[in-house]
Protein backbone atom coordinates (compact mmCIF):
# COMPACT_ATOMS: atom_id res chain seq x y z
CA MET A 1 19.85 -18.03 -0.79
CA ARG A 2 16.90 -20.12 -1.70
CA LYS A 3 15.97 -20.14 -5.61
CA THR A 4 12.26 -20.47 -6.44
CA ILE A 5 10.53 -20.66 -9.87
CA LEU A 6 10.09 -17.16 -11.02
CA LEU A 7 6.22 -17.58 -11.78
CA ILE A 8 4.54 -17.87 -8.41
CA THR A 9 0.78 -18.56 -8.82
CA ALA A 10 -2.06 -18.91 -6.79
CA ALA A 11 -2.54 -22.53 -8.15
CA ALA A 12 0.01 -23.72 -5.67
CA CYS A 13 -2.55 -22.90 -2.81
CA VAL A 14 -4.82 -25.73 -4.19
CA PHE A 15 -1.92 -28.24 -3.73
CA LEU A 16 -1.30 -26.79 -0.26
CA ALA A 17 -4.94 -26.97 1.02
CA PHE A 18 -5.19 -30.71 0.03
CA SER A 19 -1.71 -31.58 1.20
CA LYS A 20 -1.14 -33.40 4.36
CA CYS A 21 0.19 -31.26 7.04
CA SER A 22 1.50 -31.95 10.69
CA LEU A 23 0.01 -30.08 13.46
CA ASP A 24 0.88 -30.23 17.04
CA GLY A 25 -2.28 -30.82 19.32
CA GLY A 26 -5.39 -28.68 19.01
CA SER A 27 -8.89 -29.62 18.12
CA ARG A 28 -9.72 -31.14 14.61
CA ALA A 29 -11.57 -27.78 13.88
CA GLU A 30 -8.60 -25.74 14.67
CA ALA A 31 -6.31 -28.04 12.80
CA ARG A 32 -8.63 -27.55 9.71
CA PHE A 33 -8.94 -24.03 10.24
CA ARG A 34 -5.03 -23.69 10.04
CA GLN A 35 -4.79 -26.03 7.21
CA TYR A 36 -7.57 -24.38 4.95
CA CYS A 37 -7.16 -20.70 6.05
CA GLY A 38 -3.36 -20.90 6.03
CA ALA A 39 -2.81 -22.52 2.70
CA CYS A 40 -2.50 -19.26 0.68
CA HIS A 41 -1.87 -16.67 3.53
CA VAL A 42 -0.95 -16.45 7.08
CA ALA A 43 -4.02 -17.83 9.02
CA PRO A 44 -5.65 -14.72 10.93
CA ASP A 45 -6.07 -15.04 14.53
CA PRO A 46 -9.98 -15.43 15.09
CA ALA A 47 -9.88 -12.73 18.06
CA SER A 48 -8.66 -10.01 15.63
CA LEU A 49 -12.10 -9.57 14.46
CA PRO A 50 -15.47 -9.24 16.34
CA LYS A 51 -18.29 -12.11 15.75
CA HIS A 52 -20.51 -9.97 13.64
CA LEU A 53 -17.89 -9.13 11.19
CA TRP A 54 -17.07 -12.80 11.05
CA THR A 55 -20.58 -13.79 10.69
CA GLU A 56 -21.96 -11.22 8.39
CA GLN A 57 -18.77 -10.56 6.07
CA VAL A 58 -15.92 -12.65 6.46
CA LEU A 59 -17.21 -16.15 6.98
CA PRO A 60 -19.63 -16.12 3.96
CA GLU A 61 -16.82 -14.87 1.62
CA MET A 62 -14.51 -17.69 3.08
CA ALA A 63 -17.28 -20.31 2.28
CA ALA A 64 -17.57 -19.07 -1.31
CA ARG A 65 -13.71 -19.31 -1.80
CA LEU A 66 -13.87 -22.84 -0.71
CA GLY A 67 -16.86 -23.73 -3.16
CA LEU A 68 -19.65 -23.58 -0.47
CA LYS A 69 -22.76 -21.36 -0.31
CA ILE A 70 -23.74 -20.11 3.13
CA GLY A 71 -27.24 -18.66 3.33
CA ASP A 72 -28.28 -16.27 0.46
CA TYR A 73 -24.68 -15.01 0.01
CA ASP A 74 -23.70 -14.77 -3.63
CA PRO A 75 -20.33 -13.25 -4.40
CA PHE A 76 -21.61 -12.33 -7.91
CA ALA A 77 -24.56 -10.66 -6.70
CA GLY A 78 -24.67 -6.95 -8.16
CA LEU A 79 -22.01 -7.63 -10.66
CA ASP A 80 -22.61 -6.53 -14.26
CA MET A 81 -22.02 -9.33 -16.93
CA GLU A 82 -18.55 -8.08 -17.72
CA GLU A 83 -17.43 -7.95 -14.19
CA ALA A 84 -18.83 -11.26 -13.38
CA HIS A 85 -17.02 -12.80 -16.37
CA PHE A 86 -13.74 -11.73 -15.32
CA VAL A 87 -14.42 -12.77 -11.59
CA LYS A 88 -15.28 -16.18 -12.79
CA TYR A 89 -12.22 -16.29 -14.91
CA SER A 90 -10.14 -15.42 -11.87
CA ASN A 91 -11.00 -18.84 -10.23
CA ALA A 92 -11.53 -17.23 -6.97
CA TYR A 93 -14.89 -19.13 -6.22
CA PRO A 94 -14.56 -22.73 -7.26
CA GLU A 95 -17.61 -24.36 -8.86
CA LYS A 96 -17.02 -27.57 -6.74
CA PRO A 97 -16.62 -27.52 -2.97
CA LEU A 98 -13.00 -27.98 -1.77
CA ILE A 99 -14.39 -28.93 1.85
CA SER A 100 -17.37 -30.78 3.27
CA GLU A 101 -19.98 -29.03 4.73
CA SER A 102 -19.25 -30.64 8.19
CA GLU A 103 -15.75 -29.57 8.03
CA TRP A 104 -16.78 -26.17 7.18
CA GLU A 105 -19.37 -26.01 10.24
CA GLY A 106 -16.43 -27.21 12.55
CA ILE A 107 -14.24 -24.15 11.25
CA GLN A 108 -17.07 -21.74 11.58
CA ASN A 109 -17.72 -22.76 15.14
CA TYR A 110 -14.13 -22.82 16.00
CA ILE A 111 -13.85 -19.15 14.77
CA LEU A 112 -16.90 -17.94 16.33
CA SER A 113 -15.98 -19.48 19.75
CA MET A 114 -12.72 -17.55 19.64
CA ALA A 115 -13.83 -14.22 18.25
CA PRO A 116 -14.80 -11.32 20.80
CA ASP A 117 -17.97 -9.58 20.92
CA SER A 118 -16.13 -6.38 20.04
CA LEU A 119 -12.59 -4.83 19.60
CA GLU A 120 -11.40 -2.58 22.26
CA VAL A 121 -11.00 0.98 20.93
CA ASP A 122 -8.14 3.32 22.39
CA VAL A 123 -9.93 6.46 23.23
CA LEU A 124 -6.99 8.34 24.46
CA ARG A 125 -4.97 8.54 21.41
CA ASN A 126 -5.40 12.29 21.11
CA GLU A 127 -3.63 12.88 24.19
CA ARG A 128 -0.48 11.15 23.40
CA SER A 129 0.43 13.55 20.67
CA GLN A 130 1.91 17.17 21.00
CA GLU A 131 1.37 19.98 18.54
CA LEU A 132 3.32 19.91 15.46
CA THR A 133 5.39 23.06 15.04
CA ARG A 134 8.42 21.61 13.04
CA PHE A 135 6.24 21.84 9.80
CA ARG A 136 4.22 25.07 8.53
CA PRO A 137 1.13 23.88 6.50
CA ARG A 138 0.21 25.60 3.29
CA PRO A 139 -2.80 24.47 1.55
CA ILE A 140 -2.68 24.19 -2.42
CA SER A 141 -5.56 24.15 -4.86
CA VAL A 142 -4.91 22.33 -8.22
CA ASP A 143 -8.35 22.96 -9.60
CA ASN A 144 -11.49 25.28 -8.97
CA MET A 145 -13.43 22.42 -7.48
CA PRO A 146 -14.14 21.79 -3.90
CA GLY A 147 -12.89 18.76 -2.34
CA GLY A 148 -9.75 16.83 -3.43
CA LEU A 149 -9.73 14.03 -5.92
CA VAL A 150 -5.91 13.41 -6.11
CA THR A 151 -5.07 10.01 -6.95
CA ALA A 152 -1.19 10.31 -7.64
CA LEU A 153 1.43 12.69 -6.67
CA TYR A 154 4.86 12.75 -7.89
CA TYR A 155 7.92 15.31 -7.51
CA ASP A 156 9.93 15.66 -10.68
CA SER A 157 13.28 16.73 -9.26
CA LEU A 158 14.68 17.04 -12.76
CA GLY A 159 12.13 19.50 -13.89
CA GLN A 160 11.48 20.90 -10.18
CA GLN A 161 7.93 20.40 -10.65
CA TRP A 162 4.96 18.41 -9.03
CA TRP A 163 2.83 16.13 -11.18
CA VAL A 164 -0.59 15.53 -9.74
CA GLY A 165 -3.16 12.86 -10.98
CA SER A 166 -6.81 13.13 -10.57
CA ARG A 167 -9.87 10.67 -10.56
CA GLY A 168 -11.03 12.49 -13.59
CA GLY A 169 -7.84 11.69 -15.50
CA GLU A 170 -6.31 15.02 -15.25
CA TRP A 171 -2.43 15.07 -15.23
CA TYR A 172 -1.51 18.54 -13.58
CA SER A 173 1.82 20.27 -13.42
CA LEU A 174 2.53 22.62 -10.61
CA GLN A 175 5.82 24.71 -10.76
CA GLY A 176 6.05 27.60 -8.43
CA ASP A 177 2.92 29.49 -9.04
CA GLU A 178 2.12 28.17 -12.36
CA LYS A 179 -0.44 25.25 -12.77
CA LYS A 180 -1.41 23.57 -16.02
CA VAL A 181 -3.28 20.42 -17.33
CA VAL A 182 -0.48 18.38 -19.15
CA GLN A 183 -2.93 15.96 -20.59
CA LEU A 184 -6.33 14.41 -20.08
CA PHE A 185 -6.53 10.64 -20.04
CA GLY A 186 -9.66 8.41 -20.04
CA SER A 187 -9.64 6.97 -16.41
CA PRO A 188 -8.00 7.99 -12.95
CA ILE A 189 -4.15 8.34 -12.97
CA SER A 190 -2.56 6.09 -10.46
CA GLY A 191 1.35 6.95 -10.83
CA PHE A 192 4.25 8.46 -12.55
CA ASP A 193 7.77 7.82 -12.89
CA ARG A 194 10.51 9.60 -14.65
CA VAL A 195 14.31 8.55 -15.22
CA GLY A 196 16.27 10.74 -17.66
CA ASP A 197 14.09 11.66 -20.79
CA GLN A 198 11.78 8.84 -20.11
CA THR A 199 8.27 9.43 -18.20
CA LEU A 200 5.68 6.96 -17.24
CA VAL A 201 1.95 7.46 -16.64
CA MET A 202 -0.35 5.00 -15.52
CA GLU A 203 -4.10 4.77 -16.19
CA MET A 204 -5.83 2.88 -13.50
CA GLY A 205 -9.00 1.91 -15.40
CA TYR A 206 -11.63 1.28 -12.47
CA MET A 207 -10.71 2.99 -9.20
CA ASN A 208 -13.24 0.66 -7.24
CA PRO A 209 -12.35 -2.92 -6.83
CA SER A 210 -12.58 -4.55 -10.14
CA ASP A 211 -11.33 -7.70 -12.11
CA VAL A 212 -11.87 -6.04 -15.39
CA PRO A 213 -8.74 -5.02 -17.12
CA ARG A 214 -8.88 -1.29 -18.21
CA GLY A 215 -5.65 0.01 -17.09
CA LYS A 216 -2.81 1.40 -19.40
CA LEU A 217 0.71 2.29 -19.19
CA TRP A 218 2.11 5.18 -21.14
CA LEU A 219 5.71 6.21 -22.07
CA PHE A 220 6.62 9.77 -22.89
CA GLU A 221 10.00 10.29 -24.56
CA ASP A 222 11.32 12.87 -26.82
CA GLY A 223 8.03 14.49 -27.35
CA ARG A 224 6.37 11.26 -28.28
CA GLN A 225 3.78 9.16 -26.49
CA GLN A 226 3.68 5.42 -26.77
CA LEU A 227 1.33 2.96 -25.17
CA ILE A 228 3.45 0.28 -23.63
CA ALA A 229 0.87 -1.95 -22.02
CA GLU A 230 -2.99 -2.71 -22.11
CA PRO A 231 -5.24 -3.98 -20.63
CA LEU A 232 -3.89 -4.03 -17.22
CA PHE A 233 -5.46 -5.04 -13.86
CA ARG A 234 -5.80 -1.89 -11.81
CA PRO A 235 -2.13 -0.79 -12.25
CA VAL A 236 -1.21 1.34 -8.98
CA PHE A 237 2.57 1.62 -9.22
CA ALA A 238 5.25 1.79 -11.98
CA LYS A 239 8.82 1.81 -12.08
CA ILE A 240 11.50 2.35 -14.84
CA PHE A 241 14.31 -0.38 -14.25
CA ASP A 242 17.33 -1.41 -16.02
CA ALA A 243 17.15 -5.13 -15.07
CA GLU A 244 20.24 -6.33 -17.09
CA HIS A 245 22.28 -3.05 -16.80
CA ASP A 246 22.60 -2.79 -20.51
CA GLY A 247 21.37 0.65 -20.92
CA ARG A 248 17.95 -0.51 -21.96
CA ASN A 249 15.04 0.43 -19.62
CA GLU A 250 12.42 -2.00 -18.76
CA TYR A 251 9.15 -1.26 -16.85
CA LEU A 252 7.81 -2.64 -13.70
CA VAL A 253 3.95 -2.35 -13.10
CA CYS A 254 2.15 -3.46 -9.92
CA GLU A 255 -1.36 -4.53 -11.10
CA PHE A 256 -3.13 -4.55 -8.04
CA GLY A 257 -6.29 -5.85 -9.45
CA ASN A 258 -8.86 -7.47 -7.01
CA HIS A 259 -9.33 -11.25 -7.14
CA ALA A 260 -6.83 -11.32 -10.05
CA GLY A 261 -3.52 -9.40 -10.29
CA ARG A 262 0.20 -9.44 -10.92
CA LEU A 263 3.60 -8.00 -10.90
CA MET A 264 4.71 -7.50 -14.39
CA LEU A 265 8.11 -6.66 -16.06
CA TRP A 266 7.78 -5.34 -19.66
CA GLN A 267 10.65 -5.43 -21.99
CA TRP A 268 11.41 -4.70 -25.51
CA ASP A 269 11.62 -7.86 -27.65
CA GLY A 270 12.88 -6.23 -30.69
CA GLU A 271 9.44 -5.62 -32.22
CA ARG A 272 7.16 -4.55 -29.21
CA TYR A 273 7.16 -4.49 -25.55
CA ALA A 274 6.24 -7.98 -24.06
CA GLY A 275 5.25 -8.65 -20.41
CA ARG A 276 6.25 -11.40 -18.27
CA PRO A 277 4.93 -12.02 -14.60
CA LEU A 278 7.20 -11.92 -11.53
CA LEU A 279 3.96 -12.46 -9.28
CA ASN A 280 0.94 -13.91 -10.42
CA VAL A 281 -1.16 -12.83 -7.40
CA PRO A 282 -3.12 -9.58 -6.73
CA GLY A 283 -2.20 -7.00 -4.45
CA SER A 284 1.23 -5.67 -5.46
CA ILE A 285 1.22 -1.96 -4.57
CA ARG A 286 4.99 -0.61 -4.22
CA ILE A 287 8.25 -1.46 -5.61
CA GLN A 288 11.64 -0.24 -4.29
CA GLU A 289 15.10 -1.24 -5.56
CA ALA A 290 18.45 -1.79 -3.86
CA ASP A 291 21.32 -4.05 -3.74
CA MET A 292 20.03 -6.28 -0.92
CA ASN A 293 22.74 -9.14 -1.03
CA LYS A 294 25.68 -6.70 -1.93
CA ASP A 295 26.53 -8.50 -5.11
CA GLY A 296 26.68 -5.46 -7.26
CA LYS A 297 23.11 -6.00 -8.80
CA THR A 298 20.07 -4.15 -8.21
CA ASP A 299 17.25 -6.30 -6.71
CA LEU A 300 13.72 -5.56 -6.26
CA ILE A 301 11.63 -5.28 -3.01
CA VAL A 302 7.97 -5.50 -3.50
CA LEU A 303 4.87 -5.19 -1.01
CA ALA A 304 1.79 -7.14 -1.86
CA ALA A 305 -1.09 -6.05 0.04
CA GLN A 306 -4.03 -8.43 -0.99
CA GLY A 307 -4.67 -11.69 0.56
CA ASP A 308 -1.20 -12.92 1.30
CA GLU A 309 0.12 -9.71 2.56
CA SER A 310 4.05 -9.92 2.23
CA ILE A 311 7.36 -8.36 1.32
CA HIS A 312 8.90 -10.07 -1.72
CA ILE A 313 12.50 -9.72 -2.59
CA PHE A 314 13.60 -10.48 -6.22
CA TYR A 315 17.31 -11.03 -6.36
CA ASN A 316 18.82 -9.88 -9.75
CA GLN A 317 20.80 -12.60 -11.41
CA GLY A 318 21.98 -10.25 -14.08
CA ASP A 319 20.85 -12.14 -16.98
CA GLY A 320 16.95 -11.00 -16.70
CA SER A 321 16.09 -13.59 -14.44
CA PHE A 322 15.55 -13.31 -10.45
CA SER A 323 15.63 -15.56 -7.42
CA HIS A 324 12.84 -15.07 -4.96
CA SER A 325 12.33 -14.73 -1.24
CA GLN A 326 9.23 -13.77 1.00
CA PRO A 327 10.79 -12.63 4.23
CA ILE A 328 7.89 -10.97 5.77
CA ARG A 329 4.19 -12.18 5.98
CA LEU A 330 1.30 -10.68 7.59
CA PRO A 331 -2.26 -12.01 8.10
CA PRO A 332 -4.70 -10.98 5.32
CA ILE A 333 -6.82 -8.76 7.69
CA TYR A 334 -3.90 -6.33 8.61
CA GLY A 335 -4.34 -4.04 5.48
CA SER A 336 -0.84 -3.54 4.29
CA SER A 337 -0.54 -0.29 2.36
CA TRP A 338 2.91 0.85 2.01
CA PHE A 339 6.49 0.45 2.96
CA GLU A 340 9.91 2.02 3.15
CA LEU A 341 13.41 0.66 2.77
CA PHE A 342 16.22 2.46 4.85
CA ASP A 343 18.93 1.63 7.36
CA TYR A 344 17.43 2.13 10.61
CA GLU A 345 20.32 1.38 12.74
CA GLY A 346 23.22 2.71 10.65
CA ASP A 347 24.78 -0.87 10.38
CA GLY A 348 24.78 -1.10 6.57
CA ASP A 349 21.91 -3.50 6.20
CA LEU A 350 18.52 -2.22 4.82
CA ASP A 351 15.61 -2.46 7.23
CA ILE A 352 11.83 -2.33 6.37
CA ALA A 353 8.78 -0.36 7.84
CA ILE A 354 5.39 -1.25 6.90
CA VAL A 355 2.20 0.58 7.48
CA ASN A 356 -0.91 -1.37 8.04
CA GLY A 357 -4.44 0.31 7.98
CA ASP A 358 -6.39 -0.24 4.75
CA ASN A 359 -10.05 -0.63 5.94
CA ALA A 360 -11.84 -0.64 2.50
CA ASP A 361 -12.67 -4.20 2.66
CA TYR A 362 -15.11 -6.58 4.30
CA THR A 363 -13.93 -5.65 7.72
CA TYR A 364 -14.22 -2.20 8.42
CA ALA A 365 -13.45 -1.56 12.12
CA LEU A 366 -10.94 0.30 14.19
CA LYS A 367 -8.31 -2.25 14.49
CA PRO A 368 -5.76 -2.28 17.20
CA TYR A 369 -3.08 -3.82 14.98
CA HIS A 370 -3.15 -1.06 12.46
CA GLY A 371 -0.09 1.23 12.36
CA LEU A 372 3.56 1.18 11.82
CA ARG A 373 5.80 -1.82 12.01
CA LEU A 374 9.60 -1.76 11.94
CA TYR A 375 11.48 -4.88 10.84
CA LEU A 376 15.13 -5.04 11.27
CA ASN A 377 17.54 -6.95 9.02
CA ASP A 378 19.96 -9.35 10.59
CA GLY A 379 22.35 -9.05 7.48
CA LYS A 380 20.89 -12.07 5.83
CA ASP A 381 17.67 -10.48 4.57
CA GLN A 382 15.83 -12.16 7.77
CA PHE A 383 13.56 -9.79 9.37
CA GLU A 384 12.17 -9.63 12.87
CA GLU A 385 9.58 -6.96 14.07
CA ALA A 386 11.22 -4.68 16.41
CA PHE A 387 8.64 -1.82 16.90
CA PHE A 388 5.18 -1.25 16.53
CA TYR A 389 3.37 2.09 16.97
CA PRO A 390 -0.43 1.87 16.57
CA ILE A 391 -2.32 4.16 14.25
CA TYR A 392 -5.75 3.43 13.08
CA GLY A 393 -5.94 3.24 9.30
CA ALA A 394 -2.48 3.84 8.73
CA THR A 395 -2.08 4.28 4.75
CA ARG A 396 1.18 5.95 3.80
CA LEU A 397 4.65 6.32 5.18
CA VAL A 398 7.82 8.27 4.49
CA ALA A 399 10.93 7.58 6.62
CA ARG A 400 13.59 10.50 6.49
CA ASP A 401 15.77 12.56 8.88
CA PHE A 402 13.32 15.31 9.13
CA ASP A 403 14.92 17.13 12.28
CA ARG A 404 18.42 16.74 11.00
CA ASP A 405 19.86 14.97 14.04
CA GLY A 406 21.05 11.97 12.37
CA ASP A 407 18.28 9.36 12.93
CA VAL A 408 15.31 8.24 10.96
CA ASP A 409 11.96 9.79 11.70
CA PHE A 410 8.57 8.82 10.18
CA ALA A 411 5.80 10.60 8.86
CA VAL A 412 2.46 8.79 8.61
CA THR A 413 -0.91 9.37 7.03
CA ALA A 414 -4.08 7.51 7.89
CA LEU A 415 -6.85 7.18 5.42
CA PHE A 416 -9.13 5.58 8.10
CA PRO A 417 -8.37 7.20 11.49
CA ASP A 418 -10.77 7.30 14.36
CA PHE A 419 -12.86 10.06 12.83
CA GLU A 420 -14.83 10.45 15.95
CA ARG A 421 -12.12 10.66 18.67
CA ALA A 422 -8.83 11.34 17.12
CA PRO A 423 -9.43 12.74 13.68
CA ARG A 424 -6.10 14.75 13.80
CA GLU A 425 -4.30 11.24 13.55
CA ALA A 426 -5.00 11.56 9.68
CA PHE A 427 -1.42 12.69 10.02
CA VAL A 428 1.17 11.64 12.54
CA TYR A 429 4.87 12.75 12.61
CA LEU A 430 6.96 10.47 14.73
CA GLU A 431 10.09 12.13 15.76
CA ASN A 432 12.75 9.75 16.85
CA GLN A 433 14.25 10.43 20.38
CA ASP A 434 16.24 7.37 20.86
CA THR A 435 17.09 4.96 18.07
CA ALA A 436 18.24 2.05 20.28
CA SER A 437 15.04 2.09 22.49
CA TYR A 438 12.39 2.88 19.63
CA ARG A 439 11.52 5.86 21.58
CA PHE A 440 9.30 8.33 19.42
CA GLN A 441 7.30 11.44 20.22
CA SER A 442 4.14 11.67 18.18
CA TYR A 443 2.90 15.20 16.77
CA THR A 444 -0.05 16.07 14.86
CA GLY A 445 -2.23 19.17 14.23
CA ASP A 446 -5.69 20.71 13.02
CA PHE A 447 -4.24 21.13 9.57
CA ALA A 448 -4.83 17.26 9.20
CA LEU A 449 -8.54 17.94 9.22
CA GLU A 450 -8.41 19.99 5.97
CA GLY A 451 -8.37 16.83 3.62
CA ARG A 452 -8.52 13.06 3.53
CA TRP A 453 -4.76 12.16 2.67
CA MET A 454 -4.45 9.28 0.42
CA VAL A 455 -0.99 10.02 -1.05
CA MET A 456 2.18 11.54 0.24
CA GLU A 457 5.58 12.51 -0.94
CA ALA A 458 8.85 13.95 0.69
CA GLY A 459 11.61 15.88 -0.55
CA ASP A 460 13.56 19.30 -0.20
CA PHE A 461 10.78 21.12 -2.21
CA GLU A 462 11.69 24.41 -0.95
CA GLN A 463 15.28 24.04 -1.88
CA ASP A 464 16.33 25.25 1.70
CA GLY A 465 18.39 21.80 2.87
CA ASP A 466 15.60 20.20 4.79
CA ILE A 467 12.88 17.70 4.01
CA ASP A 468 9.26 18.87 3.40
CA ILE A 469 6.24 16.88 2.98
CA VAL A 470 3.37 17.09 0.54
CA LEU A 471 0.02 15.44 1.06
CA GLY A 472 -2.68 14.74 -1.40
CA SER A 473 -6.37 14.73 -0.63
CA TYR A 474 -9.11 12.21 -1.80
CA VAL A 475 -12.47 12.92 -0.06
CA ILE A 476 -14.66 10.09 -1.59
CA SER A 477 -14.79 7.53 1.23
CA PRO A 478 -16.14 3.98 1.34
CA THR A 479 -16.81 4.66 4.96
CA HIS A 480 -18.94 7.26 6.65
CA PRO A 481 -16.69 10.11 8.19
CA PRO A 482 -18.61 12.57 10.40
CA ASP A 483 -20.60 15.32 8.62
CA SER A 484 -18.57 17.99 10.38
CA LEU A 485 -15.29 16.68 8.22
CA ARG A 486 -17.37 16.31 5.25
CA ARG A 487 -18.53 19.82 5.38
CA ILE A 488 -14.75 20.95 6.01
CA TRP A 489 -13.82 19.09 2.99
CA ALA A 490 -16.61 20.15 0.69
CA ALA A 491 -16.26 23.72 1.58
CA GLY A 492 -12.53 23.88 1.22
CA ASN A 493 -10.68 23.77 -2.16
CA VAL A 494 -7.52 21.81 -0.69
CA ASP A 495 -6.01 19.33 -2.96
CA LEU A 496 -2.58 19.35 -1.72
CA LEU A 497 -0.97 20.39 1.67
CA LEU A 498 2.55 21.54 1.60
CA LEU A 499 4.14 20.95 4.86
CA GLU A 500 7.24 23.33 4.96
CA ASN A 501 9.89 22.02 7.30
CA GLN A 502 11.09 24.69 9.53
CA SER A 503 14.23 22.84 10.58
CA ILE A 504 16.51 25.40 8.75
CA THR A 505 15.62 29.07 8.99
CA SER A 506 15.67 31.36 6.03
CA SER A 507 19.29 32.30 7.27
CA GLY A 508 20.47 28.71 7.00
CA VAL A 509 20.56 28.10 10.67
CA SER A 510 19.07 24.80 12.04
CA GLU A 511 16.41 25.25 14.46
CA PRO A 512 16.38 23.44 17.71
CA THR A 513 14.53 19.91 17.63
CA ASP A 514 11.20 19.65 19.17
CA HIS A 515 12.48 17.30 21.87
């Protein structure tokens, strides 16, 4: 196991960009492209985006990140003074060029020579899925307003209640037919966690991409409310974690941010909660915990989804420190959004599935590499991609044995599906028909059109022995879904959609599987 310095910073990229590298063959322009565009993240394939997106969106931004100005592109245009201050403070845009104009011209020409005019669109995706009957949809309204604005979803198994967070800062509790507002916060709620008597609630600050830290982390315990940390860079995920196994909880926070962000561990120092960064890069979006190396200590598995899209593993040393590895890295245009940790093969090693599909960036397009990827663990935490299932705009993922046949099935939501040709793929259920050959049958239904599903949770919510699913709708879109769908969302009052698993009947008898 390789040990690294705990604090991993983007500053290392500056060294890498200027270090000499040995590349086999290829043109000088291609070598420069690999050197500069692969210093801080996996270099993207120029063929993965069409020419017009490279020309109009990506290349001007890339040049600005290298200290060059292309045409009239100004990364600070439209920013207010506060936002511009924090963007400048992030050092995302160097004041002096890191590359000569001639070198940049060579890189640009190389990319455009390899980029296609357009990306091929799979127009037959609606035909691959069967009608989903395993789950019975039941729409749920949280408030009296049309169109969902759900930003966070959490099932409190201790209290057997749902917690729902909204863009307006409302924290709702749903238990049976009872709905109530627990508390109103000053900004969108981005997440919850609960362990024992402790509950965490996160305020995101700004929901749209921003480098202005406005987020907050609140702790509720024994009827008291305490502000643990502020200001935070757009926090999107939090977890209660006993790092040293001493009975005192610490708090992990994914500060997604924009140009700046970090993964923070907040600990009590005897007088106050103090934070220390585990990752000093933007984009951390989800944390899971498990004993990856089987040494009896709980490790952290983290997905970073901005720029250097990666899975990070922090191996717990038991004394409050961690060693680090980065076993999975993906190109920055993949749009990694979520991951699950589970044993796919039943061999005792934890495998990883990632969904890629975030399209709210510089490169909105239907991308054939969006979808679900399954990575198998060789037993030494080295992962190899074994299976890919394409789903445009894949956003959330749950891996469970939904049909109770002993293998792992997948439920996937897509915030950016092909709205024109395959809008029902906003939700896809992949039922495992053969684990060894990675054979899955896909299912969907018209219920998927009732909302725009940004969040998802799974569990035995009906207390009947099988796994149900709940989807949370957020209808504000940076893209332009068809008016027909917008009318459905505006007319309906669907905040949540409960998918009741029908695998076990009311008599407790398992129903036959769909396959």
